[in-house]
């Protein structure tokens, strides 16, 4: 979707602007949750927190563009395989 693509482009721009991949990922997760006042409930994978997950085929810590290599998404406890979604 265009929103996901725009987010990926923004994260890549952060990296191009000098942030390390770790800083980019923290900005997209923990820092954003804290800025919204939701850091106690969101932003990191910890017991008791809410979390949707994206499974990546690659290592965004080595190459931030690997964030584009989504294989599956876990949303509200349900697993969605990218290949199956694209066949719809």
PDB file of N, CA and C in Angstrom:
ATOM      1  N   UNK A   1       0.840  -1.187   0.000  1.00  0.00           N
ATOM      2  CA  UNK A   1       0.000   0.000   0.000  1.00  0.00           C
ATOM      3  C   UNK A   1       0.878   1.241   0.000  1.00  0.00           C
ATOM      4  N   UNK A   2       0.336   2.358  -0.405  1.00  0.00           N
ATOM      5  CA  UNK A   2       1.154   3.569  -0.490  1.00  0.00           C
ATOM      6  C   UNK A   2       1.671   4.032   0.869  1.00  0.00           C
ATOM      7  N   UNK A   3       0.920   3.753   1.943  1.00  0.00           N
ATOM      8  CA  UNK A   3       1.376   4.198   3.260  1.00  0.00           C
ATOM      9  C   UNK A   3       2.615   3.427   3.677  1.00  0.00           C
ATOM     10  N   UNK A   4       2.626   2.126   3.446  1.00  0.00           N
ATOM     11  CA  UNK A   4       3.795   1.315   3.768  1.00  0.00           C
ATOM     12  C   UNK A   4       5.002   1.737   2.961  1.00  0.00           C
ATOM     13  N   UNK A   5       4.796   1.995   1.685  1.00  0.00           N
ATOM     14  CA  UNK A   5       5.894   2.422   0.823  1.00  0.00           C
ATOM     15  C   UNK A   5       6.436   3.772   1.269  1.00  0.00           C
ATOM     16  N   UNK A   6       5.554   4.685   1.622  1.00  0.00           N
ATOM     17  CA  UNK A   6       5.997   6.005   2.083  1.00  0.00           C
ATOM     18  C   UNK A   6       6.817   5.881   3.362  1.00  0.00           C
ATOM     19  N   UNK A   7       6.404   5.001   4.257  1.00  0.00           N
ATOM     20  CA  UNK A   7       7.164   4.795   5.488  1.00  0.00           C
ATOM     21  C   UNK A   7       8.547   4.239   5.179  1.00  0.00           C
ATOM     22  N   UNK A   8       8.613   3.248   4.302  1.00  0.00           N
ATOM     23  CA  UNK A   8       9.913   2.683   3.932  1.00  0.00           C
ATOM     24  C   UNK A   8      10.823   3.745   3.334  1.00  0.00           C
ATOM     25  N   UNK A   9      10.272   4.571   2.467  1.00  0.00           N
ATOM     26  CA  UNK A   9      11.070   5.635   1.848  1.00  0.00           C
ATOM     27  C   UNK A   9      11.561   6.620   2.906  1.00  0.00           C
ATOM     28  N   UNK A  10      10.705   6.943   3.870  1.00  0.00           N
ATOM     29  CA  UNK A  10      11.103   7.865   4.932  1.00  0.00           C
ATOM     30  C   UNK A  10      12.234   7.263   5.777  1.00  0.00           C
ATOM     31  N   UNK A  11      12.119   5.982   6.108  1.00  0.00           N
ATOM     32  CA  UNK A  11      13.170   5.334   6.896  1.00  0.00           C
ATOM     33  C   UNK A  11      14.483   5.284   6.125  1.00  0.00           C
ATOM     34  N   UNK A  12      14.402   5.017   4.831  1.00  0.00           N
ATOM     35  CA  UNK A  12      15.609   5.021   3.999  1.00  0.00           C
ATOM     36  C   UNK A  12      16.222   6.422   3.938  1.00  0.00           C
ATOM     37  N   UNK A  13      15.374   7.445   3.912  1.00  0.00           N
ATOM     38  CA  UNK A  13      15.882   8.822   3.920  1.00  0.00           C
ATOM     39  C   UNK A  13      16.604   9.144   5.224  1.00  0.00           C
ATOM     40  N   UNK A  14      16.086   8.635   6.351  1.00  0.00           N
ATOM     41  CA  UNK A  14      16.784   8.833   7.628  1.00  0.00           C
ATOM     42  C   UNK A  14      18.190   8.251   7.552  1.00  0.00           C
ATOM     43  N   UNK A  15      18.298   7.055   6.974  1.00  0.00           N
ATOM     44  CA  UNK A  15      19.610   6.410   6.846  1.00  0.00           C
ATOM     45  C   UNK A  15      20.511   7.212   5.909  1.00  0.00           C
ATOM     46  N   UNK A  16      19.949   7.698   4.811  1.00  0.00           N
ATOM     47  CA  UNK A  16      20.735   8.522   3.876  1.00  0.00           C
ATOM     48  C   UNK A  16      21.191   9.815   4.533  1.00  0.00           C
ATOM     49  N   UNK A  17      20.400  10.283   5.494  1.00  0.00           N
ATOM     50  CA  UNK A  17      20.731  11.518   6.199  1.00  0.00           C
ATOM     51  C   UNK A  17      21.750  11.341   7.310  1.00  0.00           C
ATOM     52  N   UNK A  18      22.157  10.099   7.563  1.00  0.00           N
ATOM     53  CA  UNK A  18      23.216   9.890   8.532  1.00  0.00           C
ATOM     54  C   UNK A  18      22.874   9.039   9.739  1.00  0.00           C
ATOM     55  N   UNK A  19      21.598   8.687   9.935  1.00  0.00           N
ATOM     56  CA  UNK A  19      21.272   7.805  11.052  1.00  0.00           C
ATOM     57  C   UNK A  19      21.769   6.393  10.755  1.00  0.00           C
ATOM     58  N   UNK A  20      22.221   5.703  11.779  1.00  0.00           N
ATOM     59  CA  UNK A  20      22.601   4.304  11.612  1.00  0.00           C
ATOM     60  C   UNK A  20      21.327   3.467  11.486  1.00  0.00           C
ATOM     61  N   UNK A  21      21.425   2.257  10.939  1.00  0.00           N
ATOM     62  CA  UNK A  21      20.235   1.407  10.862  1.00  0.00           C
ATOM     63  C   UNK A  21      19.573   1.181  12.226  1.00  0.00           C
ATOM     64  N   UNK A  22      20.353   1.028  13.276  1.00  0.00           N
ATOM     65  CA  UNK A  22      19.773   0.857  14.616  1.00  0.00           C
ATOM     66  C   UNK A  22      18.984   2.099  15.007  1.00  0.00           C
ATOM     67  N   UNK A  23      19.531   3.273  14.740  1.00  0.00           N
ATOM     68  CA  UNK A  23      18.827   4.523  15.057  1.00  0.00           C
ATOM     69  C   UNK A  23      17.547   4.649  14.240  1.00  0.00           C
ATOM     70  N   UNK A  24      17.585   4.241  12.983  1.00  0.00           N
ATOM     71  CA  UNK A  24      16.392   4.291  12.131  1.00  0.00           C
ATOM     72  C   UNK A  24      15.303   3.388  12.702  1.00  0.00           C
ATOM     73  N   UNK A  25      15.663   2.160  13.056  1.00  0.00           N
ATOM     74  CA  UNK A  25      14.671   1.217  13.582  1.00  0.00           C
ATOM     75  C   UNK A  25      14.126   1.672  14.930  1.00  0.00           C
ATOM     76  N   UNK A  26      14.962   2.226  15.764  1.00  0.00           N
ATOM     77  CA  UNK A  26      14.475   2.760  17.048  1.00  0.00           C
ATOM     78  C   UNK A  26      13.540   3.942  16.826  1.00  0.00           C
ATOM     79  N   UNK A  27      13.855   4.781  15.855  1.00  0.00           N
ATOM     80  CA  UNK A  27      12.988   5.916  15.539  1.00  0.00           C
ATOM     81  C   UNK A  27      11.606   5.436  15.115  1.00  0.00           C
ATOM     82  N   UNK A  28      11.567   4.358  14.351  1.00  0.00           N
ATOM     83  CA  UNK A  28      10.294   3.831  13.851  1.00  0.00           C
ATOM     84  C   UNK A  28       9.520   3.053  14.907  1.00  0.00           C
ATOM     85  N   UNK A  29      10.166   2.682  16.000  1.00  0.00           N
ATOM     86  CA  UNK A  29       9.511   1.819  16.987  1.00  0.00           C
ATOM     87  C   UNK A  29       9.457   2.489  18.357  1.00  0.00           C
ATOM     88  N   UNK A  30      10.488   2.313  19.156  1.00  0.00           N
ATOM     89  CA  UNK A  30      10.444   2.791  20.540  1.00  0.00           C
ATOM     90  C   UNK A  30      10.332   4.307  20.654  1.00  0.00           C
ATOM     91  N   UNK A  31      11.089   5.033  19.850  1.00  0.00           N
ATOM     92  CA  UNK A  31      11.053   6.499  19.930  1.00  0.00           C
ATOM     93  C   UNK A  31       9.670   7.026  19.551  1.00  0.00           C
ATOM     94  N   UNK A  32       9.076   6.460  18.508  1.00  0.00           N
ATOM     95  CA  UNK A  32       7.739   6.894  18.086  1.00  0.00           C
ATOM     96  C   UNK A  32       6.694   6.575  19.145  1.00  0.00           C
ATOM     97  N   UNK A  33       6.770   5.377  19.726  1.00  0.00           N
ATOM     98  CA  UNK A  33       5.812   5.001  20.771  1.00  0.00           C
ATOM     99  C   UNK A  33       5.925   5.941  21.969  1.00  0.00           C
ATOM    100  N   UNK A  34       7.146   6.257  22.360  1.00  0.00           N
ATOM    101  CA  UNK A  34       7.350   7.171  23.482  1.00  0.00           C
ATOM    102  C   UNK A  34       6.829   8.567  23.160  1.00  0.00           C
ATOM    103  N   UNK A  35       7.045   9.027  21.931  1.00  0.00           N
ATOM    104  CA  UNK A  35       6.567  10.355  21.525  1.00  0.00           C
ATOM    105  C   UNK A  35       5.045  10.435  21.577  1.00  0.00           C
ATOM    106  N   UNK A  36       4.384   9.306  21.338  1.00  0.00           N
ATOM    107  CA  UNK A  36       2.917   9.250  21.394  1.00  0.00           C
ATOM    108  C   UNK A  36       2.398   9.007  22.809  1.00  0.00           C
ATOM    109  N   UNK A  37       3.299   8.871  23.763  1.00  0.00           N
ATOM    110  CA  UNK A  37       2.893   8.584  25.132  1.00  0.00           C
ATOM    111  C   UNK A  37       2.444   7.151  25.330  1.00  0.00           C
ATOM    112  N   UNK A  38       2.842   6.266  24.415  1.00  0.00           N
ATOM    113  CA  UNK A  38       2.408   4.869  24.466  1.00  0.00           C
ATOM    114  C   UNK A  38       3.572   3.915  24.695  1.00  0.00           C
ATOM    115  N   UNK A  39       4.697   4.421  25.145  1.00  0.00           N
ATOM    116  CA  UNK A  39       5.880   3.594  25.319  1.00  0.00           C
ATOM    117  C   UNK A  39       5.706   2.450  26.300  1.00  0.00           C
ATOM    118  N   UNK A  40       4.776   2.576  27.235  1.00  0.00           N
ATOM    119  CA  UNK A  40       4.537   1.487  28.192  1.00  0.00           C
ATOM    120  C   UNK A  40       3.820   0.315  27.539  1.00  0.00           C
ATOM    121  N   UNK A  41       3.130   0.571  26.425  1.00  0.00           N
ATOM    122  CA  UNK A  41       2.310  -0.461  25.783  1.00  0.00           C
ATOM    123  C   UNK A  41       2.811  -0.893  24.410  1.00  0.00           C
ATOM    124  N   UNK A  42       3.559  -0.035  23.730  1.00  0.00           N
ATOM    125  CA  UNK A  42       3.958  -0.275  22.341  1.00  0.00           C
ATOM    126  C   UNK A  42       5.431   0.049  22.132  1.00  0.00           C
ATOM    127  N   UNK A  43       5.936  -0.319  20.966  1.00  0.00           N
ATOM    128  CA  UNK A  43       7.247   0.155  20.536  1.00  0.00           C
ATOM    129  C   UNK A  43       8.385  -0.824  20.676  1.00  0.00           C
ATOM    130  N   UNK A  44       8.182  -1.881  21.446  1.00  0.00           N
ATOM    131  CA  UNK A  44       9.223  -2.900  21.601  1.00  0.00           C
ATOM    132  C   UNK A  44       8.550  -4.237  21.881  1.00  0.00           C
ATOM    133  N   UNK A  45       9.304  -5.298  21.688  1.00  0.00           N
ATOM    134  CA  UNK A  45       8.776  -6.641  21.923  1.00  0.00           C
ATOM    135  C   UNK A  45       9.163  -7.043  23.339  1.00  0.00           C
ATOM    136  N   UNK A  46       8.186  -6.974  24.238  1.00  0.00           N
ATOM    137  CA  UNK A  46       8.397  -7.301  25.644  1.00  0.00           C
ATOM    138  C   UNK A  46       7.128  -7.924  26.194  1.00  0.00           C
ATOM    139  N   UNK A  47       7.257  -8.777  27.226  1.00  0.00           N
ATOM    140  CA  UNK A  47       6.056  -9.348  27.846  1.00  0.00           C
ATOM    141  C   UNK A  47       5.097  -8.246  28.297  1.00  0.00           C
ATOM    142  N   UNK A  48       3.821  -8.425  27.976  1.00  0.00           N
ATOM    143  CA  UNK A  48       2.795  -7.480  28.386  1.00  0.00           C
ATOM    144  C   UNK A  48       2.546  -6.340  27.420  1.00  0.00           C
ATOM    145  N   UNK A  49       3.388  -6.196  26.397  1.00  0.00           N
ATOM    146  CA  UNK A  49       3.186  -5.129  25.416  1.00  0.00           C
ATOM    147  C   UNK A  49       2.446  -5.662  24.197  1.00  0.00           C
ATOM    148  N   UNK A  50       1.735  -4.776  23.518  1.00  0.00           N
ATOM    149  CA  UNK A  50       1.074  -5.108  22.259  1.00  0.00           C
ATOM    150  C   UNK A  50       2.108  -5.060  21.146  1.00  0.00           C
ATOM    151  N   UNK A  51       2.005  -5.987  20.200  1.00  0.00           N
ATOM    152  CA  UNK A  51       2.983  -5.967  19.112  1.00  0.00           C
ATOM    153  C   UNK A  51       2.436  -6.657  17.876  1.00  0.00           C
ATOM    154  N   UNK A  52       2.543  -5.999  16.749  1.00  0.00           N
ATOM    155  CA  UNK A  52       2.394  -6.625  15.446  1.00  0.00           C
ATOM    156  C   UNK A  52       3.815  -6.733  14.905  1.00  0.00           C
ATOM    157  N   UNK A  53       4.080  -7.768  14.129  1.00  0.00           N
ATOM    158  CA  UNK A  53       5.444  -8.021  13.675  1.00  0.00           C
ATOM    159  C   UNK A  53       5.521  -8.109  12.165  1.00  0.00           C
ATOM    160  N   UNK A  54       6.653  -7.716  11.627  1.00  0.00           N
ATOM    161  CA  UNK A  54       6.955  -7.893  10.213  1.00  0.00           C
ATOM    162  C   UNK A  54       8.198  -8.774  10.143  1.00  0.00           C
ATOM    163  N   UNK A  55       8.099  -9.879   9.392  1.00  0.00           N
ATOM    164  CA  UNK A  55       9.236 -10.787   9.229  1.00  0.00           C
ATOM    165  C   UNK A  55       9.924 -10.430   7.920  1.00  0.00           C
ATOM    166  N   UNK A  56      11.200 -10.118   8.015  1.00  0.00           N
ATOM    167  CA  UNK A  56      11.988  -9.629   6.885  1.00  0.00           C
ATOM    168  C   UNK A  56      12.938 -10.723   6.405  1.00  0.00           C
ATOM    169  N   UNK A  57      13.086 -10.854   5.096  1.00  0.00           N
ATOM    170  CA  UNK A  57      14.079 -11.758   4.515  1.00  0.00           C
ATOM    171  C   UNK A  57      15.349 -10.953   4.264  1.00  0.00           C
ATOM    172  N   UNK A  58      16.124 -10.767   5.297  1.00  0.00           N
ATOM    173  CA  UNK A  58      17.335  -9.972   5.193  1.00  0.00           C
ATOM    174  C   UNK A  58      17.691  -9.421   6.557  1.00  0.00           C
ATOM    175  N   UNK A  59      18.629  -8.508   6.567  1.00  0.00           N
ATOM    176  CA  UNK A  59      19.100  -7.912   7.807  1.00  0.00           C
ATOM    177  C   UNK A  59      19.102  -6.395   7.665  1.00  0.00           C
ATOM    178  N   UNK A  60      18.047  -5.722   8.137  1.00  0.00           N
ATOM    179  CA  UNK A  60      18.001  -4.267   8.004  1.00  0.00           C
ATOM    180  C   UNK A  60      19.074  -3.548   8.815  1.00  0.00           C
ATOM    181  N   UNK A  61      19.727  -4.253   9.736  1.00  0.00           N
ATOM    182  CA  UNK A  61      20.844  -3.636  10.454  1.00  0.00           C
ATOM    183  C   UNK A  61      22.073  -3.525   9.567  1.00  0.00           C
ATOM    184  N   UNK A  62      22.155  -4.388   8.568  1.00  0.00           N
ATOM    185  CA  UNK A  62      23.258  -4.329   7.602  1.00  0.00           C
ATOM    186  C   UNK A  62      22.883  -3.489   6.388  1.00  0.00           C
ATOM    187  N   UNK A  63      21.605  -3.549   5.989  1.00  0.00           N
ATOM    188  CA  UNK A  63      21.124  -2.807   4.818  1.00  0.00           C
ATOM    189  C   UNK A  63      19.677  -2.407   5.069  1.00  0.00           C
ATOM    190  N   UNK A  64      19.452  -1.145   5.344  1.00  0.00           N
ATOM    191  CA  UNK A  64      18.113  -0.669   5.706  1.00  0.00           C
ATOM    192  C   UNK A  64      17.090  -0.977   4.610  1.00  0.00           C
ATOM    193  N   UNK A  65      17.538  -1.087   3.360  1.00  0.00           N
ATOM    194  CA  UNK A  65      16.613  -1.397   2.264  1.00  0.00           C
ATOM    195  C   UNK A  65      16.053  -2.812   2.359  1.00  0.00           C
ATOM    196  N   UNK A  66      16.646  -3.655   3.195  1.00  0.00           N
ATOM    197  CA  UNK A  66      16.086  -4.990   3.417  1.00  0.00           C
ATOM    198  C   UNK A  66      14.694  -4.919   4.039  1.00  0.00           C
ATOM    199  N   UNK A  67      14.317  -3.777   4.607  1.00  0.00           N
ATOM    200  CA  UNK A  67      12.957  -3.624   5.132  1.00  0.00           C
ATOM    201  C   UNK A  67      11.906  -3.820   4.043  1.00  0.00           C
ATOM    202  N   UNK A  68      12.299  -3.674   2.799  1.00  0.00           N
ATOM    203  CA  UNK A  68      11.371  -3.887   1.679  1.00  0.00           C
ATOM    204  C   UNK A  68      11.147  -5.370   1.395  1.00  0.00           C
ATOM    205  N   UNK A  69      11.919  -6.248   2.021  1.00  0.00           N
ATOM    206  CA  UNK A  69      11.865  -7.685   1.740  1.00  0.00           C
ATOM    207  C   UNK A  69      10.962  -8.406   2.749  1.00  0.00           C
ATOM    208  N   UNK A  70       9.728  -7.978   2.829  1.00  0.00           N
ATOM    209  CA  UNK A  70       8.759  -8.551   3.770  1.00  0.00           C
ATOM    210  C   UNK A  70       8.359  -9.950   3.312  1.00  0.00           C
ATOM    211  N   UNK A  71       8.394 -10.895   4.237  1.00  0.00           N
ATOM    212  CA  UNK A  71       7.976 -12.270   3.947  1.00  0.00           C
ATOM    213  C   UNK A  71       6.621 -12.585   4.584  1.00  0.00           C
ATOM    214  N   UNK A  72       6.409 -12.076   5.789  1.00  0.00           N
ATOM    215  CA  UNK A  72       5.124 -12.300   6.456  1.00  0.00           C
ATOM    216  C   UNK A  72       4.893 -11.198   7.476  1.00  0.00           C
ATOM    217  N   UNK A  73       3.627 -11.079   7.861  1.00  0.00           N
ATOM    218  CA  UNK A  73       3.212 -10.102   8.860  1.00  0.00           C
ATOM    219  C   UNK A  73       2.399 -10.842   9.913  1.00  0.00           C
ATOM    220  N   UNK A  74       2.619 -10.500  11.173  1.00  0.00           N
ATOM    221  CA  UNK A  74       1.794 -11.020  12.256  1.00  0.00           C
ATOM    222  C   UNK A  74       1.009  -9.833  12.793  1.00  0.00           C
ATOM    223  N   UNK A  75      -0.304  -9.869  12.605  1.00  0.00           N
ATOM    224  CA  UNK A  75      -1.197  -8.773  13.002  1.00  0.00           C
ATOM    225  C   UNK A  75      -2.282  -9.344  13.895  1.00  0.00           C
ATOM    226  N   UNK A  76      -2.399  -8.817  15.104  1.00  0.00           N
ATOM    227  CA  UNK A  76      -3.396  -9.303  16.063  1.00  0.00           C
ATOM    228  C   UNK A  76      -3.317 -10.814  16.235  1.00  0.00           C
ATOM    229  N   UNK A  77      -2.102 -11.356  16.219  1.00  0.00           N
ATOM    230  CA  UNK A  77      -1.892 -12.783  16.428  1.00  0.00           C
ATOM    231  C   UNK A  77      -2.104 -13.658  15.211  1.00  0.00           C
ATOM    232  N   UNK A  78      -2.525 -13.073  14.104  1.00  0.00           N
ATOM    233  CA  UNK A  78      -2.758 -13.839  12.878  1.00  0.00           C
ATOM    234  C   UNK A  78      -1.582 -13.632  11.923  1.00  0.00           C
ATOM    235  N   UNK A  79      -1.095 -14.744  11.338  1.00  0.00           N
ATOM    236  CA  UNK A  79       0.048 -14.693  10.428  1.00  0.00           C
ATOM    237  C   UNK A  79      -0.444 -14.554   8.996  1.00  0.00           C
ATOM    238  N   UNK A  80       0.109 -13.585   8.283  1.00  0.00           N
ATOM    239  CA  UNK A  80      -0.208 -13.352   6.877  1.00  0.00           C
ATOM    240  C   UNK A  80       1.067 -13.545   6.066  1.00  0.00           C
ATOM    241  N   UNK A  81       1.042 -14.486   5.138  1.00  0.00           N
ATOM    242  CA  UNK A  81       2.178 -14.726   4.250  1.00  0.00           C
ATOM    243  C   UNK A  81       2.075 -13.772   3.066  1.00  0.00           C
ATOM    244  N   UNK A  82       3.155 -13.090   2.741  1.00  0.00           N
ATOM    245  CA  UNK A  82       3.135 -12.116   1.652  1.00  0.00           C
ATOM    246  C   UNK A  82       2.732 -12.754   0.330  1.00  0.00           C
ATOM    247  N   UNK A  83       3.289 -13.915   0.020  1.00  0.00           N
ATOM    248  CA  UNK A  83       2.964 -14.575  -1.251  1.00  0.00           C
ATOM    249  C   UNK A  83       1.469 -14.832  -1.375  1.00  0.00           C
ATOM    250  N   UNK A  84       0.829 -15.270  -0.301  1.00  0.00           N
ATOM    251  CA  UNK A  84      -0.613 -15.540  -0.326  1.00  0.00           C
ATOM    252  C   UNK A  84      -1.403 -14.250  -0.512  1.00  0.00           C
ATOM    253  N   UNK A  85      -0.964 -13.185   0.126  1.00  0.00           N
ATOM    254  CA  UNK A  85      -1.665 -11.905  -0.018  1.00  0.00           C
ATOM    255  C   UNK A  85      -1.549 -11.370  -1.437  1.00  0.00           C
ATOM    256  N   UNK A  86      -0.400 -11.552  -2.056  1.00  0.00           N
ATOM    257  CA  UNK A  86      -0.198 -11.052  -3.420  1.00  0.00           C
ATOM    258  C   UNK A  86      -1.004 -11.844  -4.446  1.00  0.00           C
ATOM    259  N   UNK A  87      -1.334 -13.091  -4.136  1.00  0.00           N
ATOM    260  CA  UNK A  87      -2.134 -13.909  -5.057  1.00  0.00           C
ATOM    261  C   UNK A  87      -3.609 -13.545  -5.016  1.00  0.00           C
ATOM    262  N   UNK A  88      -4.049 -12.816  -4.016  1.00  0.00           N
ATOM    263  CA  UNK A  88      -5.472 -12.451  -3.878  1.00  0.00           C
ATOM    264  C   UNK A  88      -5.930 -11.572  -5.003  1.00  0.00           C
TER     265      UNK A  88
END
